[in-house]
Amino acid sequence: MSADNYIYIDKKTFEVWSCVASELEGTEEIGLENQKSSLIGKGKNLEEAIKIAEQVNNYLVEYGIHFKLWCK
């Protein structure tokens, strides 16, 4: 069974998001921002955000940690 997700770190806000990897219906029209499914946490800086993402990445995250929103 596939998890079909990835972790996204916003380098400007230091937010850490769980994102859907599969293309959502109408992704081009609604934008990649809709790939975000839930906010995991927010770091005080990029280093802290990466630590948060690394902790979550150990659990059922199929495509790892990314700094850019995308869909397959």
C-alpha atoms as a PDB file:
ATOM      1  CA  MET A   1       0.000   0.000   0.000  1.00  0.00           C
ATOM      2  CA  SER A   2       1.337   3.392  -0.976  1.00  0.00           C
ATOM      3  CA  ALA A   3       1.310   6.418   1.314  1.00  0.00           C
ATOM      4  CA  ASP A   4       1.322   8.815  -1.694  1.00  0.00           C
ATOM      5  CA  ASN A   5       2.516  11.821   0.259  1.00  0.00           C
ATOM      6  CA  TYR A   6       5.517  14.027   0.952  1.00  0.00           C
ATOM      7  CA  ILE A   7       6.644  16.653   3.446  1.00  0.00           C
ATOM      8  CA  TYR A   8       6.954  20.249   2.231  1.00  0.00           C
ATOM      9  CA  ILE A   9       9.000  22.907   4.041  1.00  0.00           C
ATOM     10  CA  ASP A  10       8.258  26.524   3.149  1.00  0.00           C
ATOM     11  CA  LYS A  11      11.661  28.238   3.289  1.00  0.00           C
ATOM     12  CA  LYS A  12      10.073  31.675   3.847  1.00  0.00           C
ATOM     13  CA  THR A  13       7.632  30.859   6.650  1.00  0.00           C
ATOM     14  CA  PHE A  14       9.352  27.717   8.065  1.00  0.00           C
ATOM     15  CA  GLU A  15       6.006  25.889   7.964  1.00  0.00           C
ATOM     16  CA  VAL A  16       6.125  22.121   7.600  1.00  0.00           C
ATOM     17  CA  TRP A  17       3.238  20.593   5.638  1.00  0.00           C
ATOM     18  CA  SER A  18       2.010  17.112   4.826  1.00  0.00           C
ATOM     19  CA  CYS A  19       1.145  17.112   1.111  1.00  0.00           C
ATOM     20  CA  VAL A  20      -0.648  14.826  -1.325  1.00  0.00           C
ATOM     21  CA  ALA A  21       1.642  13.629  -4.119  1.00  0.00           C
ATOM     22  CA  SER A  22      -1.036  12.602  -6.620  1.00  0.00           C
ATOM     23  CA  GLU A  23      -2.360  15.290  -8.895  1.00  0.00           C
ATOM     24  CA  LEU A  24      -5.634  16.586  -7.551  1.00  0.00           C
ATOM     25  CA  GLU A  25      -8.425  17.078 -10.047  1.00  0.00           C
ATOM     26  CA  GLY A  26      -7.927  20.445 -11.688  1.00  0.00           C
ATOM     27  CA  THR A  27      -4.533  21.066 -10.046  1.00  0.00           C
ATOM     28  CA  GLU A  28      -3.481  23.427 -12.834  1.00  0.00           C
ATOM     29  CA  GLU A  29      -6.596  25.507 -12.307  1.00  0.00           C
ATOM     30  CA  ILE A  30      -6.664  25.462  -8.499  1.00  0.00           C
ATOM     31  CA  GLY A  31      -2.904  25.670  -7.947  1.00  0.00           C
ATOM     32  CA  LEU A  32      -0.331  23.588  -6.162  1.00  0.00           C
ATOM     33  CA  GLU A  33      -1.191  25.175  -2.800  1.00  0.00           C
ATOM     34  CA  ASN A  34      -4.078  22.698  -2.659  1.00  0.00           C
ATOM     35  CA  GLN A  35      -1.584  19.802  -2.503  1.00  0.00           C
ATOM     36  CA  LYS A  36      -1.118  20.779   1.163  1.00  0.00           C
ATOM     37  CA  SER A  37      -3.240  18.526   3.342  1.00  0.00           C
ATOM     38  CA  SER A  38      -2.267  19.487   6.896  1.00  0.00           C
ATOM     39  CA  LEU A  39       0.122  21.763   8.741  1.00  0.00           C
ATOM     40  CA  ILE A  40       2.499  19.645  10.807  1.00  0.00           C
ATOM     41  CA  GLY A  41       4.299  22.465  12.571  1.00  0.00           C
ATOM     42  CA  LYS A  42       6.293  25.653  12.233  1.00  0.00           C
ATOM     43  CA  GLY A  43       9.933  26.193  13.073  1.00  0.00           C
ATOM     44  CA  LYS A  44      11.535  29.386  14.332  1.00  0.00           C
ATOM     45  CA  ASN A  45      14.090  29.038  11.541  1.00  0.00           C
ATOM     46  CA  LEU A  46      14.877  26.726   8.630  1.00  0.00           C
ATOM     47  CA  GLU A  47      17.037  24.418  10.738  1.00  0.00           C
ATOM     48  CA  GLU A  48      14.211  23.871  13.226  1.00  0.00           C
ATOM     49  CA  ALA A  49      11.705  23.293  10.398  1.00  0.00           C
ATOM     50  CA  ILE A  50      13.998  20.628   8.929  1.00  0.00           C
ATOM     51  CA  LYS A  51      14.217  18.896  12.322  1.00  0.00           C
ATOM     52  CA  ILE A  52      10.407  18.828  12.543  1.00  0.00           C
ATOM     53  CA  ALA A  53      10.178  17.384   9.027  1.00  0.00           C
ATOM     54  CA  GLU A  54      12.831  14.747   9.739  1.00  0.00           C
ATOM     55  CA  GLN A  55      10.893  13.518  12.777  1.00  0.00           C
ATOM     56  CA  VAL A  56       7.709  13.120  10.744  1.00  0.00           C
ATOM     57  CA  ASN A  57       9.533  11.624   7.746  1.00  0.00           C
ATOM     58  CA  ASN A  58      10.092   8.432   9.753  1.00  0.00           C
ATOM     59  CA  TYR A  59       6.352   7.679   9.563  1.00  0.00           C
ATOM     60  CA  LEU A  60       4.646   6.563   6.349  1.00  0.00           C
ATOM     61  CA  VAL A  61       5.989   9.352   4.123  1.00  0.00           C
ATOM     62  CA  GLU A  62       6.503   7.955   0.658  1.00  0.00           C
ATOM     63  CA  TYR A  63       8.334  10.735  -1.195  1.00  0.00           C
ATOM     64  CA  GLY A  64      10.426  12.359   1.542  1.00  0.00           C
ATOM     65  CA  ILE A  65      11.068  16.017   2.307  1.00  0.00           C
ATOM     66  CA  HIS A  66      10.867  18.758  -0.336  1.00  0.00           C
ATOM     67  CA  PHE A  67      11.253  22.521  -0.528  1.00  0.00           C
ATOM     68  CA  LYS A  68       8.945  22.885  -3.552  1.00  0.00           C
ATOM     69  CA  LEU A  69       5.285  21.951  -4.000  1.00  0.00           C
ATOM     70  CA  TRP A  70       4.729  19.395  -6.753  1.00  0.00           C
ATOM     71  CA  CYS A  71       2.410  16.652  -7.910  1.00  0.00           C
ATOM     72  CA  LYS A  72       2.963  13.527  -9.938  1.00  0.00           C
END
